[in-house]
Amino acid sequence: MIRDAIKRTVDVTLASAGLLALAPVLAGAAAAIVVSMGRPVLFRQRRPGRNGEPFTIYKFRTMVEPREGESRLHSDGARVTAVGKFLRKTSIDELPELWNVVRGEMSLVGPRPLLLEYLRKYTPEQMRRHEVAPGITGWAQVNGRQAIPFSKRLELDVWYVDNRSLALDLRILCKTVAQVVVGHGQHTGQSLADVDDLGFIEAPQK
C-alpha cells in the first residue's frame, strides 16, 4: 500500500537522522553505563515483531543482573540503577531501537514489542496487535504509558491497528515528544507484576 511505503520512508529518514543527530547523547549514555554498571552497554532480547516473527531488540542497559535464584521479571524494578532510572525517565534507553527501525524490524510508531512468552497467552483479538510492525512509541504509550494495566494496553494496541494512518502517527509522535519532555507516564523502578492484570507473568518458584 502507498501508506505503508510512505510510512517506511518516513521511518528510515527520521530514524537515520535521529541516530546521527543524537550521536553525542548515545555516546554519553554508553559511557555512563560502562562507568556505573560495566559492560555490556546494550540490552539485547528477542521480541515478537510483525506477524509474531522474532527479532532482536536493542536498548541501553538500565539494570544489573539478578542474583542467583532471583526471578528476573519479578525483581526488575529493584534492579534498576540510578543511571538506569535517568535513562528510563528521559527515554534515552529506547534510542538504540532507532537501529531496529532502520533495519525494518520496527517502526517509529506501533504497538510496543512485549515478550515472546506472552504470544501463547494472547486471545485472538489481542494477537491482532502483531498485524503491524512494533513501534518505539504507540497509541497505548501516549494514553497512559506504564500507568495502565496490560489489558488496556493491548486494547489500545488493537485500536491502533484498526485506525492507523499517517496523521495518527504524527499525532502520536508529537504527544510522545511532549510526554518525554515532562517525564509523564514513566514509572522508574516499577515491577511488571504491578500492571499485569492478565496473569502473563508467572509467580516465582518458592
C-alpha atoms as a PDB file:
ATOM      1  CA  MET A   1       0.000   0.000   0.000  1.00  0.00           C
ATOM      2  CA  ILE A   2       1.085   3.569  -0.653  1.00  0.00           C
ATOM      3  CA  ARG A   3       0.507   4.419   3.016  1.00  0.00           C
ATOM      4  CA  ASP A   4       2.884   1.669   4.140  1.00  0.00           C
ATOM      5  CA  ALA A   5       5.544   2.751   1.630  1.00  0.00           C
ATOM      6  CA  ILE A   6       5.338   6.350   2.845  1.00  0.00           C
ATOM      7  CA  LYS A   7       5.452   5.205   6.477  1.00  0.00           C
ATOM      8  CA  ARG A   8       8.564   3.142   5.786  1.00  0.00           C
ATOM      9  CA  THR A   9      10.264   6.069   4.030  1.00  0.00           C
ATOM     10  CA  VAL A  10       9.471   8.365   6.959  1.00  0.00           C
ATOM     11  CA  ASP A  11      10.716   5.732   9.411  1.00  0.00           C
ATOM     12  CA  VAL A  12      14.079   5.292   7.699  1.00  0.00           C
ATOM     13  CA  THR A  13      14.585   9.022   7.157  1.00  0.00           C
ATOM     14  CA  LEU A  14      13.760  10.095  10.706  1.00  0.00           C
ATOM     15  CA  ALA A  15      15.496   7.133  12.388  1.00  0.00           C
ATOM     16  CA  SER A  16      18.694   7.672  10.401  1.00  0.00           C
ATOM     17  CA  ALA A  17      18.644  11.400  11.104  1.00  0.00           C
ATOM     18  CA  GLY A  18      17.995  10.694  14.766  1.00  0.00           C
ATOM     19  CA  LEU A  19      20.967   8.344  15.074  1.00  0.00           C
ATOM     20  CA  LEU A  20      23.256  10.978  13.556  1.00  0.00           C
ATOM     21  CA  ALA A  21      21.872  13.957  15.480  1.00  0.00           C
ATOM     22  CA  LEU A  22      21.797  12.105  18.790  1.00  0.00           C
ATOM     23  CA  ALA A  23      25.226  10.508  18.448  1.00  0.00           C
ATOM     24  CA  PRO A  24      26.665  12.596  21.344  1.00  0.00           C
ATOM     25  CA  VAL A  25      23.754  11.539  23.574  1.00  0.00           C
ATOM     26  CA  LEU A  26      24.221   7.897  22.607  1.00  0.00           C
ATOM     27  CA  ALA A  27      27.948   8.103  23.345  1.00  0.00           C
ATOM     28  CA  GLY A  28      27.329   9.808  26.690  1.00  0.00           C
ATOM     29  CA  ALA A  29      24.774   7.216  27.736  1.00  0.00           C
ATOM     30  CA  ALA A  30      27.121   4.379  26.779  1.00  0.00           C
ATOM     31  CA  ALA A  31      29.946   5.917  28.814  1.00  0.00           C
ATOM     32  CA  ALA A  32      27.691   6.395  31.858  1.00  0.00           C
ATOM     33  CA  ILE A  33      26.611   2.753  31.709  1.00  0.00           C
ATOM     34  CA  VAL A  34      30.190   1.478  31.487  1.00  0.00           C
ATOM     35  CA  VAL A  35      31.243   3.597  34.475  1.00  0.00           C
ATOM     36  CA  SER A  36      28.235   2.724  36.656  1.00  0.00           C
ATOM     37  CA  MET A  37      27.453  -0.869  35.650  1.00  0.00           C
ATOM     38  CA  GLY A  38      30.250  -2.071  33.429  1.00  0.00           C
ATOM     39  CA  ARG A  39      29.652  -3.930  30.205  1.00  0.00           C
ATOM     40  CA  PRO A  40      27.620  -4.810  28.231  1.00  0.00           C
ATOM     41  CA  VAL A  41      26.258  -1.394  27.291  1.00  0.00           C
ATOM     42  CA  LEU A  42      23.320  -2.695  25.307  1.00  0.00           C
ATOM     43  CA  PHE A  43      20.442  -4.875  26.410  1.00  0.00           C
ATOM     44  CA  ARG A  44      19.529  -7.394  23.717  1.00  0.00           C
ATOM     45  CA  GLN A  45      16.439  -9.553  23.783  1.00  0.00           C
ATOM     46  CA  ARG A  46      14.348 -11.492  21.299  1.00  0.00           C
ATOM     47  CA  ARG A  47      10.905  -9.936  20.890  1.00  0.00           C
ATOM     48  CA  PRO A  48       7.964 -10.667  18.568  1.00  0.00           C
ATOM     49  CA  GLY A  49       7.725  -8.426  15.521  1.00  0.00           C
ATOM     50  CA  ARG A  50       5.184  -8.211  12.746  1.00  0.00           C
ATOM     51  CA  ASN A  51       3.140 -11.421  12.499  1.00  0.00           C
ATOM     52  CA  GLY A  52       4.869 -12.558  15.680  1.00  0.00           C
ATOM     53  CA  GLU A  53       8.211 -13.161  13.937  1.00  0.00           C
ATOM     54  CA  PRO A  54      11.088 -12.830  16.453  1.00  0.00           C
ATOM     55  CA  PHE A  55      13.764 -10.172  16.143  1.00  0.00           C
ATOM     56  CA  THR A  56      16.477  -8.835  18.456  1.00  0.00           C
ATOM     57  CA  ILE A  57      15.615  -5.530  20.113  1.00  0.00           C
ATOM     58  CA  TYR A  58      18.374  -3.157  21.224  1.00  0.00           C
ATOM     59  CA  LYS A  59      18.130  -0.877  24.257  1.00  0.00           C
ATOM     60  CA  PHE A  60      20.571   0.716  26.656  1.00  0.00           C
ATOM     61  CA  ARG A  61      21.042  -1.450  29.743  1.00  0.00           C
ATOM     62  CA  THR A  62      19.359   0.032  32.817  1.00  0.00           C
ATOM     63  CA  MET A  63      19.510  -2.846  35.310  1.00  0.00           C
ATOM     64  CA  VAL A  64      22.076  -5.047  36.982  1.00  0.00           C
ATOM     65  CA  GLU A  65      21.736  -8.788  36.532  1.00  0.00           C
ATOM     66  CA  PRO A  66      19.507 -10.674  39.009  1.00  0.00           C
ATOM     67  CA  ARG A  67      21.171 -12.505  41.862  1.00  0.00           C
ATOM     68  CA  GLU A  68      21.241 -16.283  41.901  1.00  0.00           C
ATOM     69  CA  GLY A  69      17.732 -17.643  42.406  1.00  0.00           C
ATOM     70  CA  GLU A  70      16.136 -14.229  41.867  1.00  0.00           C
ATOM     71  CA  SER A  71      13.246 -14.007  39.404  1.00  0.00           C
ATOM     72  CA  ARG A  72      14.185 -11.693  36.525  1.00  0.00           C
ATOM     73  CA  LEU A  73      10.666 -10.380  35.855  1.00  0.00           C
ATOM     74  CA  HIS A  74       9.652 -10.018  39.488  1.00  0.00           C
ATOM     75  CA  SER A  75      12.842  -8.245  40.525  1.00  0.00           C
ATOM     76  CA  ASP A  76      13.328  -5.929  37.568  1.00  0.00           C
ATOM     77  CA  GLY A  77      12.095  -2.842  39.413  1.00  0.00           C
ATOM     78  CA  ALA A  78      14.557  -3.336  42.259  1.00  0.00           C
ATOM     79  CA  ARG A  79      17.486  -3.888  39.882  1.00  0.00           C
ATOM     80  CA  VAL A  80      17.252  -0.525  38.089  1.00  0.00           C
ATOM     81  CA  THR A  81      20.300   1.613  38.856  1.00  0.00           C
ATOM     82  CA  ALA A  82      20.417   5.392  39.363  1.00  0.00           C
ATOM     83  CA  VAL A  83      21.791   5.836  35.842  1.00  0.00           C
ATOM     84  CA  GLY A  84      19.155   3.424  34.576  1.00  0.00           C
ATOM     85  CA  LYS A  85      16.362   5.440  36.190  1.00  0.00           C
ATOM     86  CA  PHE A  86      17.601   8.579  34.446  1.00  0.00           C
ATOM     87  CA  LEU A  87      17.825   6.805  31.097  1.00  0.00           C
ATOM     88  CA  ARG A  88      14.287   5.475  31.504  1.00  0.00           C
ATOM     89  CA  LYS A  89      12.825   8.763  32.714  1.00  0.00           C
ATOM     90  CA  THR A  90      14.256  10.581  29.686  1.00  0.00           C
ATOM     91  CA  SER A  91      13.549   7.622  27.350  1.00  0.00           C
ATOM     92  CA  ILE A  92      17.207   7.671  26.298  1.00  0.00           C
ATOM     93  CA  ASP A  93      17.282   3.916  26.954  1.00  0.00           C
ATOM     94  CA  GLU A  94      14.985   3.469  23.934  1.00  0.00           C
ATOM     95  CA  LEU A  95      17.224   5.308  21.445  1.00  0.00           C
ATOM     96  CA  PRO A  96      19.136   2.212  20.210  1.00  0.00           C
ATOM     97  CA  GLU A  97      15.801   0.991  18.862  1.00  0.00           C
ATOM     98  CA  LEU A  98      16.252   3.549  16.086  1.00  0.00           C
ATOM     99  CA  TRP A  99      18.647   0.986  14.615  1.00  0.00           C
ATOM    100  CA  ASN A 100      15.820  -1.580  14.690  1.00  0.00           C
ATOM    101  CA  VAL A 101      13.731   0.923  12.722  1.00  0.00           C
ATOM    102  CA  VAL A 102      16.449   1.410  10.109  1.00  0.00           C
ATOM    103  CA  ARG A 103      16.752  -2.380   9.779  1.00  0.00           C
ATOM    104  CA  GLY A 104      13.000  -2.663   9.166  1.00  0.00           C
ATOM    105  CA  GLU A 105      12.256  -4.702  12.275  1.00  0.00           C
ATOM    106  CA  MET A 106      10.386  -1.868  13.988  1.00  0.00           C
ATOM    107  CA  SER A 107       8.597   1.353  13.131  1.00  0.00           C
ATOM    108  CA  LEU A 108       8.687   4.688  14.910  1.00  0.00           C
ATOM    109  CA  VAL A 109       5.009   4.166  15.751  1.00  0.00           C
ATOM    110  CA  GLY A 110       3.265   0.893  16.510  1.00  0.00           C
ATOM    111  CA  PRO A 111       2.398  -1.450  19.386  1.00  0.00           C
ATOM    112  CA  ARG A 112       5.350  -1.887  21.753  1.00  0.00           C
ATOM    113  CA  PRO A 113       7.048  -5.292  21.334  1.00  0.00           C
ATOM    114  CA  LEU A 114       6.451  -7.290  24.506  1.00  0.00           C
ATOM    115  CA  LEU A 115       7.901 -10.688  25.451  1.00  0.00           C
ATOM    116  CA  LEU A 116       7.861 -13.789  23.252  1.00  0.00           C
ATOM    117  CA  GLU A 117       6.367 -15.889  26.043  1.00  0.00           C
ATOM    118  CA  TYR A 118       3.245 -13.718  26.012  1.00  0.00           C
ATOM    119  CA  LEU A 119       2.315 -14.862  22.485  1.00  0.00           C
ATOM    120  CA  ARG A 120       0.759 -18.102  23.693  1.00  0.00           C
ATOM    121  CA  LYS A 121      -1.330 -16.204  26.242  1.00  0.00           C
ATOM    122  CA  TYR A 122      -2.976 -13.677  23.914  1.00  0.00           C
ATOM    123  CA  THR A 123      -6.564 -14.041  22.819  1.00  0.00           C
ATOM    124  CA  PRO A 124      -7.097 -13.993  19.022  1.00  0.00           C
ATOM    125  CA  GLU A 125      -8.205 -10.355  19.339  1.00  0.00           C
ATOM    126  CA  GLN A 126      -5.140  -9.359  21.362  1.00  0.00           C
ATOM    127  CA  MET A 127      -2.912 -11.189  18.884  1.00  0.00           C
ATOM    128  CA  ARG A 128      -4.031  -8.731  16.194  1.00  0.00           C
ATOM    129  CA  ARG A 129      -1.578  -6.197  17.655  1.00  0.00           C
ATOM    130  CA  HIS A 130       1.044  -8.101  15.624  1.00  0.00           C
ATOM    131  CA  GLU A 131      -0.585  -7.326  12.287  1.00  0.00           C
ATOM    132  CA  VAL A 132       1.721  -4.304  12.061  1.00  0.00           C
ATOM    133  CA  ALA A 133       5.376  -3.710  12.889  1.00  0.00           C
ATOM    134  CA  PRO A 134       6.064  -2.920  16.546  1.00  0.00           C
ATOM    135  CA  GLY A 135       6.978   0.658  17.406  1.00  0.00           C
ATOM    136  CA  ILE A 136       9.268   2.686  19.619  1.00  0.00           C
ATOM    137  CA  THR A 137       6.140   4.528  20.711  1.00  0.00           C
ATOM    138  CA  GLY A 138       2.465   3.819  20.212  1.00  0.00           C
ATOM    139  CA  TRP A 139      -1.147   4.681  20.962  1.00  0.00           C
ATOM    140  CA  ALA A 140      -1.004   2.930  24.346  1.00  0.00           C
ATOM    141  CA  GLN A 141       2.151   4.842  25.282  1.00  0.00           C
ATOM    142  CA  VAL A 142       0.525   8.248  24.768  1.00  0.00           C
ATOM    143  CA  ASN A 143      -2.654   7.164  26.555  1.00  0.00           C
ATOM    144  CA  GLY A 144      -1.301   6.108  29.906  1.00  0.00           C
ATOM    145  CA  ARG A 145       2.053   4.532  29.160  1.00  0.00           C
ATOM    146  CA  GLN A 146       3.042   2.499  32.250  1.00  0.00           C
ATOM    147  CA  ALA A 147       0.125   3.748  34.344  1.00  0.00           C
ATOM    148  CA  ILE A 148      -2.396   1.439  32.647  1.00  0.00           C
ATOM    149  CA  PRO A 149      -2.726  -2.354  33.015  1.00  0.00           C
ATOM    150  CA  PHE A 150      -1.796  -4.877  30.341  1.00  0.00           C
ATOM    151  CA  SER A 151      -5.407  -5.448  29.300  1.00  0.00           C
ATOM    152  CA  LYS A 152      -5.905  -1.771  28.479  1.00  0.00           C
ATOM    153  CA  ARG A 153      -2.574  -1.548  26.663  1.00  0.00           C
ATOM    154  CA  LEU A 154      -3.494  -4.455  24.406  1.00  0.00           C
ATOM    155  CA  GLU A 155      -6.928  -2.952  23.767  1.00  0.00           C
ATOM    156  CA  LEU A 156      -5.326   0.331  22.703  1.00  0.00           C
ATOM    157  CA  ASP A 157      -2.828  -1.533  20.507  1.00  0.00           C
ATOM    158  CA  VAL A 158      -5.616  -3.250  18.583  1.00  0.00           C
ATOM    159  CA  TRP A 159      -7.428   0.091  18.261  1.00  0.00           C
ATOM    160  CA  TYR A 160      -4.296   1.496  16.625  1.00  0.00           C
ATOM    161  CA  VAL A 161      -4.151  -1.420  14.168  1.00  0.00           C
ATOM    162  CA  ASP A 162      -7.746  -0.721  13.109  1.00  0.00           C
ATOM    163  CA  ASN A 163      -7.378   3.057  12.914  1.00  0.00           C
ATOM    164  CA  ARG A 164      -3.766   3.590  11.843  1.00  0.00           C
ATOM    165  CA  SER A 165      -2.945   6.419   9.475  1.00  0.00           C
ATOM    166  CA  LEU A 166      -0.064   8.769   8.781  1.00  0.00           C
ATOM    167  CA  ALA A 167      -1.958  11.562  10.517  1.00  0.00           C
ATOM    168  CA  LEU A 168      -2.431   9.401  13.624  1.00  0.00           C
ATOM    169  CA  ASP A 169       1.264   8.507  13.595  1.00  0.00           C
ATOM    170  CA  LEU A 170       2.183  12.198  13.506  1.00  0.00           C
ATOM    171  CA  ARG A 171      -0.185  12.867  16.408  1.00  0.00           C
ATOM    172  CA  ILE A 172       1.392  10.047  18.429  1.00  0.00           C
ATOM    173  CA  LEU A 173       4.929  11.264  17.721  1.00  0.00           C
ATOM    174  CA  CYS A 174       4.061  14.799  18.805  1.00  0.00           C
ATOM    175  CA  LYS A 175       2.409  13.570  22.013  1.00  0.00           C
ATOM    176  CA  THR A 176       5.397  11.307  22.695  1.00  0.00           C
ATOM    177  CA  VAL A 177       7.842  14.209  22.471  1.00  0.00           C
ATOM    178  CA  ALA A 178       5.650  16.232  24.837  1.00  0.00           C
ATOM    179  CA  GLN A 179       5.481  13.350  27.335  1.00  0.00           C
ATOM    180  CA  VAL A 180       9.247  12.790  27.242  1.00  0.00           C
ATOM    181  CA  VAL A 181       9.866  16.473  27.957  1.00  0.00           C
ATOM    182  CA  VAL A 182       7.737  16.387  31.123  1.00  0.00           C
ATOM    183  CA  GLY A 183       8.500  12.761  32.046  1.00  0.00           C
ATOM    184  CA  HIS A 184       4.792  11.869  32.044  1.00  0.00           C
ATOM    185  CA  GLY A 185       3.746   8.233  32.495  1.00  0.00           C
ATOM    186  CA  GLN A 186       7.206   6.828  33.196  1.00  0.00           C
ATOM    187  CA  HIS A 187       7.450   4.956  36.498  1.00  0.00           C
ATOM    188  CA  THR A 188      11.091   4.058  37.025  1.00  0.00           C
ATOM    189  CA  GLY A 189      11.621   1.001  39.157  1.00  0.00           C
ATOM    190  CA  GLN A 190       8.084  -0.259  38.554  1.00  0.00           C
ATOM    191  CA  SER A 191       7.604  -4.018  38.547  1.00  0.00           C
ATOM    192  CA  LEU A 192       5.788  -5.581  35.600  1.00  0.00           C
ATOM    193  CA  ALA A 193       3.684  -7.512  38.092  1.00  0.00           C
ATOM    194  CA  ASP A 194       2.157  -4.191  39.208  1.00  0.00           C
ATOM    195  CA  VAL A 195       0.298  -3.812  35.900  1.00  0.00           C
ATOM    196  CA  ASP A 196      -0.175  -7.464  34.934  1.00  0.00           C
ATOM    197  CA  ASP A 197      -3.924  -7.922  35.288  1.00  0.00           C
ATOM    198  CA  LEU A 198      -3.963 -10.821  32.805  1.00  0.00           C
ATOM    199  CA  GLY A 199      -1.692 -13.265  34.615  1.00  0.00           C
ATOM    200  CA  PHE A 200       1.021 -13.133  31.940  1.00  0.00           C
ATOM    201  CA  ILE A 201       3.847 -13.169  34.494  1.00  0.00           C
ATOM    202  CA  GLU A 202       4.129 -16.459  36.310  1.00  0.00           C
ATOM    203  CA  ALA A 203       4.644 -16.405  40.054  1.00  0.00           C
ATOM    204  CA  PRO A 204       8.234 -17.108  41.149  1.00  0.00           C
ATOM    205  CA  GLN A 205       9.054 -20.542  42.495  1.00  0.00           C
ATOM    206  CA  LYS A 206       9.395 -20.705  46.287  1.00  0.00           C
END
